[in-house]
C-alpha atoms as a PDB file:
ATOM      1  CA  UNK A   1     128.905 112.820  27.143  1.00  0.00           C
ATOM      2  CA  UNK A   2     125.874 112.243  28.973  1.00  0.00           C
ATOM      3  CA  UNK A   3     122.190 113.174  27.433  1.00  0.00           C
ATOM      4  CA  UNK A   4     120.475 114.996  29.901  1.00  0.00           C
ATOM      5  CA  UNK A   5     117.925 113.297  31.911  1.00  0.00           C
ATOM      6  CA  UNK A   6     118.851 113.670  35.689  1.00  0.00           C
ATOM      7  CA  UNK A   7     119.834 117.140  37.195  1.00  0.00           C
ATOM      8  CA  UNK A   8     121.171 117.932  40.596  1.00  0.00           C
ATOM      9  CA  UNK A   9     119.711 121.540  41.453  1.00  0.00           C
ATOM     10  CA  UNK A  10     121.583 123.300  44.057  1.00  0.00           C
ATOM     11  CA  UNK A  11     120.263 126.660  45.685  1.00  0.00           C
ATOM     12  CA  UNK A  12     116.426 126.150  46.455  1.00  0.00           C
ATOM     13  CA  UNK A  13     115.554 129.735  47.219  1.00  0.00           C
ATOM     14  CA  UNK A  14     112.884 131.890  45.599  1.00  0.00           C
ATOM     15  CA  UNK A  15     114.297 131.351  42.057  1.00  0.00           C
ATOM     16  CA  UNK A  16     116.087 128.366  42.569  1.00  0.00           C
ATOM     17  CA  UNK A  17     113.051 126.444  44.102  1.00  0.00           C
ATOM     18  CA  UNK A  18     110.522 127.916  41.170  1.00  0.00           C
ATOM     19  CA  UNK A  19     113.499 126.947  38.194  1.00  0.00           C
ATOM     20  CA  UNK A  20     113.564 123.373  39.757  1.00  0.00           C
ATOM     21  CA  UNK A  21     109.935 122.974  40.086  1.00  0.00           C
ATOM     22  CA  UNK A  22     109.340 123.747  36.428  1.00  0.00           C
ATOM     23  CA  UNK A  23     112.270 121.288  35.191  1.00  0.00           C
ATOM     24  CA  UNK A  24     110.175 118.554  37.272  1.00  0.00           C
ATOM     25  CA  UNK A  25     107.319 119.780  34.959  1.00  0.00           C
ATOM     26  CA  UNK A  26     109.380 119.341  31.928  1.00  0.00           C
ATOM     27  CA  UNK A  27     109.694 115.938  32.995  1.00  0.00           C
ATOM     28  CA  UNK A  28     113.576 115.826  34.615  1.00  0.00           C
ATOM     29  CA  UNK A  29     114.388 113.835  37.122  1.00  0.00           C
ATOM     30  CA  UNK A  30     115.732 116.409  39.775  1.00  0.00           C
ATOM     31  CA  UNK A  31     117.555 116.087  43.120  1.00  0.00           C
ATOM     32  CA  UNK A  32     117.572 119.180  44.972  1.00  0.00           C
ATOM     33  CA  UNK A  33     120.204 120.135  47.374  1.00  0.00           C
ATOM     34  CA  UNK A  34     120.204 123.140  49.833  1.00  0.00           C
ATOM     35  CA  UNK A  35     121.494 124.381  53.410  1.00  0.00           C
ATOM     36  CA  UNK A  36     117.696 124.932  54.362  1.00  0.00           C
ATOM     37  CA  UNK A  37     115.638 121.852  54.849  1.00  0.00           C
ATOM     38  CA  UNK A  38     112.700 123.205  54.544  1.00  0.00           C
ATOM     39  CA  UNK A  39     113.469 124.572  50.695  1.00  0.00           C
ATOM     40  CA  UNK A  40     114.314 120.923  50.238  1.00  0.00           C
ATOM     41  CA  UNK A  41     110.911 119.505  51.546  1.00  0.00           C
ATOM     42  CA  UNK A  42     109.141 122.083  49.472  1.00  0.00           C
ATOM     43  CA  UNK A  43     110.958 120.525  46.130  1.00  0.00           C
ATOM     44  CA  UNK A  44     110.022 117.251  47.352  1.00  0.00           C
ATOM     45  CA  UNK A  45     106.654 118.060  47.974  1.00  0.00           C
ATOM     46  CA  UNK A  46     106.630 119.000  43.911  1.00  0.00           C
ATOM     47  CA  UNK A  47     108.130 115.592  43.024  1.00  0.00           C
ATOM     48  CA  UNK A  48     111.923 116.283  43.247  1.00  0.00           C
ATOM     49  CA  UNK A  49     114.431 113.718  44.906  1.00  0.00           C
ATOM     50  CA  UNK A  50     116.891 115.160  47.891  1.00  0.00           C
ATOM     51  CA  UNK A  51     120.120 114.885  48.215  1.00  0.00           C
ATOM     52  CA  UNK A  52     122.179 115.000  51.571  1.00  0.00           C
ATOM     53  CA  UNK A  53     124.665 117.162  49.905  1.00  0.00           C
ATOM     54  CA  UNK A  54     126.459 118.745  46.799  1.00  0.00           C
ATOM     55  CA  UNK A  55     128.823 115.598  46.253  1.00  0.00           C
ATOM     56  CA  UNK A  56     125.114 113.062  46.179  1.00  0.00           C
ATOM     57  CA  UNK A  57     123.209 115.743  44.378  1.00  0.00           C
ATOM     58  CA  UNK A  58     126.343 115.431  41.636  1.00  0.00           C
ATOM     59  CA  UNK A  59     126.736 111.712  41.582  1.00  0.00           C
ATOM     60  CA  UNK A  60     122.840 111.319  40.824  1.00  0.00           C
ATOM     61  CA  UNK A  61     123.087 113.908  38.100  1.00  0.00           C
ATOM     62  CA  UNK A  62     124.104 114.186  34.519  1.00  0.00           C
ATOM     63  CA  UNK A  63     124.009 117.760  34.991  1.00  0.00           C
ATOM     64  CA  UNK A  64     124.617 120.021  38.026  1.00  0.00           C
ATOM     65  CA  UNK A  65     122.668 123.375  37.891  1.00  0.00           C
ATOM     66  CA  UNK A  66     123.919 126.090  41.143  1.00  0.00           C
ATOM     67  CA  UNK A  67     121.980 128.921  41.721  1.00  0.00           C
ATOM     68  CA  UNK A  68     123.395 130.852  44.683  1.00  0.00           C
ATOM     69  CA  UNK A  69     123.867 134.418  45.883  1.00  0.00           C
ATOM     70  CA  UNK A  70     127.623 134.770  44.680  1.00  0.00           C
ATOM     71  CA  UNK A  71     130.653 133.368  43.496  1.00  0.00           C
ATOM     72  CA  UNK A  72     132.175 132.163  46.486  1.00  0.00           C
ATOM     73  CA  UNK A  73     129.222 130.259  47.318  1.00  0.00           C
ATOM     74  CA  UNK A  74     129.324 128.577  44.218  1.00  0.00           C
ATOM     75  CA  UNK A  75     132.939 127.339  44.600  1.00  0.00           C
ATOM     76  CA  UNK A  76     132.133 126.178  48.238  1.00  0.00           C
ATOM     77  CA  UNK A  77     129.725 123.877  46.853  1.00  0.00           C
ATOM     78  CA  UNK A  78     131.883 122.819  44.085  1.00  0.00           C
ATOM     79  CA  UNK A  79     135.364 121.991  46.375  1.00  0.00           C
ATOM     80  CA  UNK A  80     136.024 119.738  49.301  1.00  0.00           C
ATOM     81  CA  UNK A  81     135.445 116.074  49.858  1.00  0.00           C
ATOM     82  CA  UNK A  82     131.199 116.652  50.000  1.00  0.00           C
ATOM     83  CA  UNK A  83     131.776 119.106  46.876  1.00  0.00           C
ATOM     84  CA  UNK A  84     130.195 118.495  43.397  1.00  0.00           C
ATOM     85  CA  UNK A  85     133.945 118.203  41.847  1.00  0.00           C
ATOM     86  CA  UNK A  86     134.730 115.006  44.265  1.00  0.00           C
ATOM     87  CA  UNK A  87     132.501 113.124  41.698  1.00  0.00           C
ATOM     88  CA  UNK A  88     134.311 111.872  38.724  1.00  0.00           C
ATOM     89  CA  UNK A  89     132.778 113.527  35.710  1.00  0.00           C
ATOM     90  CA  UNK A  90     132.409 111.123  33.592  1.00  0.00           C
ATOM     91  CA  UNK A  91     130.525 113.062  30.837  1.00  0.00           C
ATOM     92  CA  UNK A  92     128.792 115.107  33.425  1.00  0.00           C
ATOM     93  CA  UNK A  93     128.248 119.254  33.044  1.00  0.00           C
ATOM     94  CA  UNK A  94     128.015 121.973  35.243  1.00  0.00           C
ATOM     95  CA  UNK A  95     125.689 124.974  34.554  1.00  0.00           C
ATOM     96  CA  UNK A  96     125.914 128.073  36.982  1.00  0.00           C
ATOM     97  CA  UNK A  97     122.936 130.264  37.116  1.00  0.00           C
ATOM     98  CA  UNK A  98     124.201 132.797  39.680  1.00  0.00           C
ATOM     99  CA  UNK A  99     124.638 136.107  38.931  1.00  0.00           C
ATOM    100  CA  UNK A 100     128.959 136.418  39.460  1.00  0.00           C
ATOM    101  CA  UNK A 101     131.522 138.575  38.432  1.00  0.00           C
ATOM    102  CA  UNK A 102     132.916 137.591  34.581  1.00  0.00           C
ATOM    103  CA  UNK A 103     136.678 137.000  36.151  1.00  0.00           C
ATOM    104  CA  UNK A 104     134.918 134.586  38.353  1.00  0.00           C
ATOM    105  CA  UNK A 105     133.031 132.527  36.132  1.00  0.00           C
ATOM    106  CA  UNK A 106     136.225 132.119  34.020  1.00  0.00           C
ATOM    107  CA  UNK A 107     137.654 131.039  37.378  1.00  0.00           C
ATOM    108  CA  UNK A 108     135.078 128.846  38.075  1.00  0.00           C
ATOM    109  CA  UNK A 109     135.177 127.218  34.896  1.00  0.00           C
ATOM    110  CA  UNK A 110     138.847 126.622  35.408  1.00  0.00           C
ATOM    111  CA  UNK A 111     138.048 124.895  38.480  1.00  0.00           C
ATOM    112  CA  UNK A 112     135.435 122.010  36.960  1.00  0.00           C
ATOM    113  CA  UNK A 113     137.921 122.137  33.951  1.00  0.00           C
ATOM    114  CA  UNK A 114     140.998 120.941  36.406  1.00  0.00           C
ATOM    115  CA  UNK A 115     138.273 118.209  37.552  1.00  0.00           C
ATOM    116  CA  UNK A 116     137.283 117.017  34.333  1.00  0.00           C
ATOM    117  CA  UNK A 117     134.029 118.686  34.270  1.00  0.00           C
ATOM    118  CA  UNK A 118     132.265 121.029  31.639  1.00  0.00           C
ATOM    119  CA  UNK A 119     131.018 124.423  32.797  1.00  0.00           C
ATOM    120  CA  UNK A 120     128.214 126.419  31.338  1.00  0.00           C
ATOM    121  CA  UNK A 121     128.044 129.996  32.382  1.00  0.00           C
ATOM    122  CA  UNK A 122     124.389 130.834  32.634  1.00  0.00           C
ATOM    123  CA  UNK A 123     122.980 133.782  34.615  1.00  0.00           C
ATOM    124  CA  UNK A 124     119.426 134.481  34.636  1.00  0.00           C
ATOM    125  CA  UNK A 125     117.232 137.653  33.409  1.00  0.00           C
ATOM    126  CA  UNK A 126     113.830 138.688  34.864  1.00  0.00           C
ATOM    127  CA  UNK A 127     112.130 138.383  37.835  1.00  0.00           C
ATOM    128  CA  UNK A 128     111.149 135.480  40.551  1.00  0.00           C
ATOM    129  CA  UNK A 129     107.886 135.732  39.047  1.00  0.00           C
ATOM    130  CA  UNK A 130     108.919 134.901  35.830  1.00  0.00           C
ATOM    131  CA  UNK A 131     110.931 131.810  37.198  1.00  0.00           C
ATOM    132  CA  UNK A 132     107.522 130.718  38.716  1.00  0.00           C
ATOM    133  CA  UNK A 133     105.578 131.009  35.419  1.00  0.00           C
ATOM    134  CA  UNK A 134     108.530 129.489  33.479  1.00  0.00           C
ATOM    135  CA  UNK A 135     109.164 132.840  31.698  1.00  0.00           C
ATOM    136  CA  UNK A 136     112.678 133.375  32.763  1.00  0.00           C
ATOM    137  CA  UNK A 137     115.524 134.418  30.178  1.00  0.00           C
ATOM    138  CA  UNK A 138     118.510 132.643  30.261  1.00  0.00           C
ATOM    139  CA  UNK A 139     122.164 134.086  29.080  1.00  0.00           C
ATOM    140  CA  UNK A 140     124.705 131.283  28.478  1.00  0.00           C
ATOM    141  CA  UNK A 141     128.277 130.746  27.240  1.00  0.00           C
ATOM    142  CA  UNK A 142     130.334 127.985  26.906  1.00  0.00           C
ATOM    143  CA  UNK A 143     131.552 125.367  24.383  1.00  0.00           C
ATOM    144  CA  UNK A 144     129.078 124.629  21.407  1.00  0.00           C
ATOM    145  CA  UNK A 145     128.583 120.887  22.086  1.00  0.00           C
ATOM    146  CA  UNK A 146     127.517 121.891  26.018  1.00  0.00           C
ATOM    147  CA  UNK A 147     125.116 124.986  24.663  1.00  0.00           C
ATOM    148  CA  UNK A 148     123.530 122.693  22.860  1.00  0.00           C
ATOM    149  CA  UNK A 149     122.984 119.972  25.353  1.00  0.00           C
ATOM    150  CA  UNK A 150     121.648 122.337  27.848  1.00  0.00           C
ATOM    151  CA  UNK A 151     118.826 123.928  25.432  1.00  0.00           C
ATOM    152  CA  UNK A 152     116.246 121.190  26.212  1.00  0.00           C
ATOM    153  CA  UNK A 153     116.917 122.390  30.059  1.00  0.00           C
ATOM    154  CA  UNK A 154     116.679 125.846  29.605  1.00  0.00           C
ATOM    155  CA  UNK A 155     113.544 125.778  27.252  1.00  0.00           C
ATOM    156  CA  UNK A 156     111.687 124.173  30.192  1.00  0.00           C
ATOM    157  CA  UNK A 157     112.588 126.936  32.588  1.00  0.00           C
ATOM    158  CA  UNK A 158     112.261 129.966  30.113  1.00  0.00           C
ATOM    159  CA  UNK A 159     110.934 131.083  27.016  1.00  0.00           C
ATOM    160  CA  UNK A 160     113.923 133.151  25.837  1.00  0.00           C
ATOM    161  CA  UNK A 161     117.586 132.251  25.360  1.00  0.00           C
ATOM    162  CA  UNK A 162     120.259 134.292  24.164  1.00  0.00           C
ATOM    163  CA  UNK A 163     123.878 132.812  23.190  1.00  0.00           C
ATOM    164  CA  UNK A 164     126.404 134.916  24.480  1.00  0.00           C
ATOM    165  CA  UNK A 165     129.482 133.133  23.375  1.00  0.00           C
ATOM    166  CA  UNK A 166     132.263 132.223  25.378  1.00  0.00           C
ATOM    167  CA  UNK A 167     132.103 131.781  29.444  1.00  0.00           C
ATOM    168  CA  UNK A 168     132.233 134.911  30.839  1.00  0.00           C
ATOM    169  CA  UNK A 169     130.343 136.585  28.429  1.00  0.00           C
ATOM    170  CA  UNK A 170     127.307 135.419  29.427  1.00  0.00           C
ATOM    171  CA  UNK A 171     128.223 137.074  33.248  1.00  0.00           C
ATOM    172  CA  UNK A 172     129.322 140.259  31.407  1.00  0.00           C
ATOM    173  CA  UNK A 173     125.937 140.805  29.653  1.00  0.00           C
ATOM    174  CA  UNK A 174     124.273 139.591  32.782  1.00  0.00           C
ATOM    175  CA  UNK A 175     125.898 142.667  34.988  1.00  0.00           C
ATOM    176  CA  UNK A 176     125.250 144.896  32.368  1.00  0.00           C
ATOM    177  CA  UNK A 177     121.483 144.399  32.859  1.00  0.00           C
ATOM    178  CA  UNK A 178     121.777 144.652  35.880  1.00  0.00           C
ATOM    179  CA  UNK A 179     123.631 147.828  36.177  1.00  0.00           C
ATOM    180  CA  UNK A 180     120.935 149.521  34.017  1.00  0.00           C
ATOM    181  CA  UNK A 181     118.181 148.080  35.858  1.00  0.00           C
ATOM    182  CA  UNK A 182     119.608 148.930  39.470  1.00  0.00           C
ATOM    183  CA  UNK A 183     120.298 152.201  38.280  1.00  0.00           C
ATOM    184  CA  UNK A 184     117.218 152.811  36.636  1.00  0.00           C
ATOM    185  CA  UNK A 185     115.097 152.111  39.678  1.00  0.00           C
ATOM    186  CA  UNK A 186     117.148 154.584  41.723  1.00  0.00           C
ATOM    187  CA  UNK A 187     116.124 156.946  38.959  1.00  0.00           C
ATOM    188  CA  UNK A 188     112.491 155.831  38.839  1.00  0.00           C
ATOM    189  CA  UNK A 189     112.334 156.304  43.013  1.00  0.00           C
ATOM    190  CA  UNK A 190     113.730 159.754  42.513  1.00  0.00           C
ATOM    191  CA  UNK A 191     111.374 160.648  39.418  1.00  0.00           C
ATOM    192  CA  UNK A 192     107.925 159.537  41.191  1.00  0.00           C
ATOM    193  CA  UNK A 193     108.993 161.074  44.551  1.00  0.00           C
ATOM    194  CA  UNK A 194     109.336 164.438  42.774  1.00  0.00           C
ATOM    195  CA  UNK A 195     105.789 163.497  41.188  1.00  0.00           C
ATOM    196  CA  UNK A 196     104.441 163.089  44.658  1.00  0.00           C
ATOM    197  CA  UNK A 197     106.117 166.476  46.047  1.00  0.00           C
ATOM    198  CA  UNK A 198     103.978 167.928  43.212  1.00  0.00           C
ATOM    199  CA  UNK A 199     100.763 166.396  44.198  1.00  0.00           C
ATOM    200  CA  UNK A 200     100.844 164.406  40.617  1.00  0.00           C
ATOM    201  CA  UNK A 201      99.091 160.744  41.078  1.00  0.00           C
ATOM    202  CA  UNK A 202     101.740 158.151  39.883  1.00  0.00           C
ATOM    203  CA  UNK A 203      99.186 157.255  37.152  1.00  0.00           C
ATOM    204  CA  UNK A 204      99.035 160.503  35.385  1.00  0.00           C
ATOM    205  CA  UNK A 205     103.048 160.550  35.859  1.00  0.00           C
ATOM    206  CA  UNK A 206     103.101 157.102  34.268  1.00  0.00           C
ATOM    207  CA  UNK A 207     100.654 157.786  31.464  1.00  0.00           C
ATOM    208  CA  UNK A 208     103.236 160.484  30.197  1.00  0.00           C
ATOM    209  CA  UNK A 209     106.559 158.694  31.245  1.00  0.00           C
ATOM    210  CA  UNK A 210     105.341 155.179  29.490  1.00  0.00           C
ATOM    211  CA  UNK A 211     104.838 157.009  25.827  1.00  0.00           C
ATOM    212  CA  UNK A 212     107.995 158.571  25.818  1.00  0.00           C
ATOM    213  CA  UNK A 213     111.377 157.789  25.511  1.00  0.00           C
ATOM    214  CA  UNK A 214     111.496 158.084  29.751  1.00  0.00           C
ATOM    215  CA  UNK A 215     109.984 154.310  29.641  1.00  0.00           C
ATOM    216  CA  UNK A 216     111.343 151.512  31.472  1.00  0.00           C
ATOM    217  CA  UNK A 217     110.516 148.636  33.098  1.00  0.00           C
ATOM    218  CA  UNK A 218     110.275 150.174  36.569  1.00  0.00           C
ATOM    219  CA  UNK A 219     107.513 152.479  35.133  1.00  0.00           C
ATOM    220  CA  UNK A 220     105.819 150.048  32.844  1.00  0.00           C
ATOM    221  CA  UNK A 221     105.520 146.829  35.586  1.00  0.00           C
ATOM    222  CA  UNK A 222     107.704 146.703  38.759  1.00  0.00           C
ATOM    223  CA  UNK A 223     106.855 150.063  40.413  1.00  0.00           C
ATOM    224  CA  UNK A 224     102.992 149.594  39.550  1.00  0.00           C
ATOM    225  CA  UNK A 225     102.789 146.229  40.401  1.00  0.00           C
ATOM    226  CA  UNK A 226     104.880 145.977  43.744  1.00  0.00           C
ATOM    227  CA  UNK A 227     105.598 149.090  45.808  1.00  0.00           C
ATOM    228  CA  UNK A 228     103.116 151.261  44.397  1.00  0.00           C
ATOM    229  CA  UNK A 229     100.350 148.487  44.969  1.00  0.00           C
ATOM    230  CA  UNK A 230     101.331 147.868  48.696  1.00  0.00           C
ATOM    231  CA  UNK A 231     103.769 144.923  47.748  1.00  0.00           C
ATOM    232  CA  UNK A 232     107.304 144.916  48.892  1.00  0.00           C
ATOM    233  CA  UNK A 233     107.647 141.273  49.404  1.00  0.00           C
ATOM    234  CA  UNK A 234     110.950 140.869  47.254  1.00  0.00           C
ATOM    235  CA  UNK A 235     110.440 139.493  43.555  1.00  0.00           C
ATOM    236  CA  UNK A 236     114.292 141.318  43.706  1.00  0.00           C
ATOM    237  CA  UNK A 237     115.462 142.336  46.929  1.00  0.00           C
ATOM    238  CA  UNK A 238     117.480 145.866  47.770  1.00  0.00           C
ATOM    239  CA  UNK A 239     120.142 143.502  49.089  1.00  0.00           C
ATOM    240  CA  UNK A 240     120.400 141.528  46.125  1.00  0.00           C
ATOM    241  CA  UNK A 241     120.333 145.029  44.091  1.00  0.00           C
ATOM    242  CA  UNK A 242     123.031 146.363  46.042  1.00  0.00           C
ATOM    243  CA  UNK A 243     125.629 143.148  45.753  1.00  0.00           C
ATOM    244  CA  UNK A 244     124.784 143.137  41.868  1.00  0.00           C
ATOM    245  CA  UNK A 245     125.404 146.662  41.191  1.00  0.00           C
ATOM    246  CA  UNK A 246     129.085 145.983  43.076  1.00  0.00           C
ATOM    247  CA  UNK A 247     129.875 143.673  41.015  1.00  0.00           C
ATOM    248  CA  UNK A 248     129.301 145.556  37.991  1.00  0.00           C
ATOM    249  CA  UNK A 249     131.005 148.493  39.693  1.00  0.00           C
ATOM    250  CA  UNK A 250     134.013 146.137  40.588  1.00  0.00           C
ATOM    251  CA  UNK A 251     134.303 145.283  36.704  1.00  0.00           C
ATOM    252  CA  UNK A 252     133.935 148.704  35.482  1.00  0.00           C
ATOM    253  CA  UNK A 253     136.868 149.882  37.885  1.00  0.00           C
ATOM    254  CA  UNK A 254     138.866 146.927  36.755  1.00  0.00           C
ATOM    255  CA  UNK A 255     138.247 148.012  32.995  1.00  0.00           C
ATOM    256  CA  UNK A 256     138.971 151.562  33.807  1.00  0.00           C
ATOM    257  CA  UNK A 257     135.508 152.595  33.043  1.00  0.00           C
ATOM    258  CA  UNK A 258     133.843 155.771  35.263  1.00  0.00           C
ATOM    259  CA  UNK A 259     131.235 155.130  37.203  1.00  0.00           C
ATOM    260  CA  UNK A 260     129.314 158.074  37.825  1.00  0.00           C
ATOM    261  CA  UNK A 261     125.515 156.950  38.109  1.00  0.00           C
ATOM    262  CA  UNK A 262     126.795 153.892  39.921  1.00  0.00           C
ATOM    263  CA  UNK A 263     128.383 155.385  42.919  1.00  0.00           C
ATOM    264  CA  UNK A 264     125.395 157.366  43.110  1.00  0.00           C
ATOM    265  CA  UNK A 265     122.771 155.034  42.869  1.00  0.00           C
ATOM    266  CA  UNK A 266     124.782 153.006  45.897  1.00  0.00           C
ATOM    267  CA  UNK A 267     124.470 155.465  48.052  1.00  0.00           C
ATOM    268  CA  UNK A 268     120.901 155.168  47.702  1.00  0.00           C
ATOM    269  CA  UNK A 269     120.772 151.445  48.619  1.00  0.00           C
ATOM    270  CA  UNK A 270     123.294 151.719  51.405  1.00  0.00           C
ATOM    271  CA  UNK A 271     120.602 154.118  52.857  1.00  0.00           C
ATOM    272  CA  UNK A 272     117.771 151.537  52.282  1.00  0.00           C
ATOM    273  CA  UNK A 273     119.774 149.067  53.877  1.00  0.00           C
ATOM    274  CA  UNK A 274     120.683 150.973  56.689  1.00  0.00           C
ATOM    275  CA  UNK A 275     117.335 151.637  57.347  1.00  0.00           C
ATOM    276  CA  UNK A 276     116.469 147.859  57.678  1.00  0.00           C
ATOM    277  CA  UNK A 277     114.849 147.797  53.918  1.00  0.00           C
ATOM    278  CA  UNK A 278     117.647 145.282  52.675  1.00  0.00           C
ATOM    279  CA  UNK A 279     115.246 142.229  52.268  1.00  0.00           C
ATOM    280  CA  UNK A 280     112.571 144.436  50.785  1.00  0.00           C
ATOM    281  CA  UNK A 281     111.552 144.673  46.875  1.00  0.00           C
ATOM    282  CA  UNK A 282     113.713 147.382  45.239  1.00  0.00           C
ATOM    283  CA  UNK A 283     110.968 149.189  44.153  1.00  0.00           C
ATOM    284  CA  UNK A 284     111.037 149.840  47.636  1.00  0.00           C
ATOM    285  CA  UNK A 285     113.243 152.734  46.898  1.00  0.00           C
ATOM    286  CA  UNK A 286     110.148 154.803  46.263  1.00  0.00           C
ATOM    287  CA  UNK A 287     109.122 154.693  50.120  1.00  0.00           C
ATOM    288  CA  UNK A 288     112.927 155.833  51.040  1.00  0.00           C
ATOM    289  CA  UNK A 289     112.516 158.502  48.897  1.00  0.00           C
ATOM    290  CA  UNK A 290     109.412 159.633  50.285  1.00  0.00           C
ATOM    291  CA  UNK A 291     110.422 159.255  53.953  1.00  0.00           C
ATOM    292  CA  UNK A 292     113.698 161.294  53.486  1.00  0.00           C
ATOM    293  CA  UNK A 293     111.862 164.140  51.686  1.00  0.00           C
ATOM    294  CA  UNK A 294     109.274 164.207  54.406  1.00  0.00           C
ATOM    295  CA  UNK A 295     112.223 164.110  56.687  1.00  0.00           C
ATOM    296  CA  UNK A 296     113.948 167.163  55.250  1.00  0.00           C
ATOM    297  CA  UNK A 297     110.611 168.834  55.402  1.00  0.00           C
ATOM    298  CA  UNK A 298     110.035 168.530  58.296  1.00  0.00           C
END
């Protein structure tokens, strides 16, 4: 297997560009690819090379990282004559950091294996701000030798690495974590809307909530720093939360697990998207609740 010095990074959105930038700072040689030329240019300004296709990103690399919206997007950059897997493996590795269904992770691993490539399942935890600061959390699964090989890469992008076992198990933990946080965002928005309806300022509500078992990441950090500070630029968007909730619910249905809370949360995200809030931060659910309350109150 190759030692990892050169990295092809495919998917340079908010998270991907920040992650790739930290790899450059960490001394890795990075070749970026994205369908948006502006994203590639921004990374080049930070010191990366560019690749005209996923295949060329792979050809230049010892490790290819994909950070894309969903499994079909990953499969699209892997397959075909311009895809990553058109390049002979020759000891190269593929690490997928996208949030996908565990069954899809195992399917992508099989696809990569069929072309001779090693596959590491490696979704990312925490926010876009953490990605920019190099404090992301990584969950990874795969062959032991592959996991050891990519550790220095992950250490350049984050400050927490959790070994989850085999391919598919990291993606399972990721959707478990996202299911909790995505449904908690709805509960937090509803609770704060109720506080506002009773003329209780958020600061007073937080002084109680954050000193009891009701505390969560939204009450401690996300809502105070985002929507309640007037900032709804997406650290994690309503659209992405809706997508990830759907992944978790599909997995729960497949396993025969009831999904009472998920179904209720899905209604809230669907309403926010219907009202044009999909590209905003998920804490903007609070504004949705306030708007609905005012509409119903008349």
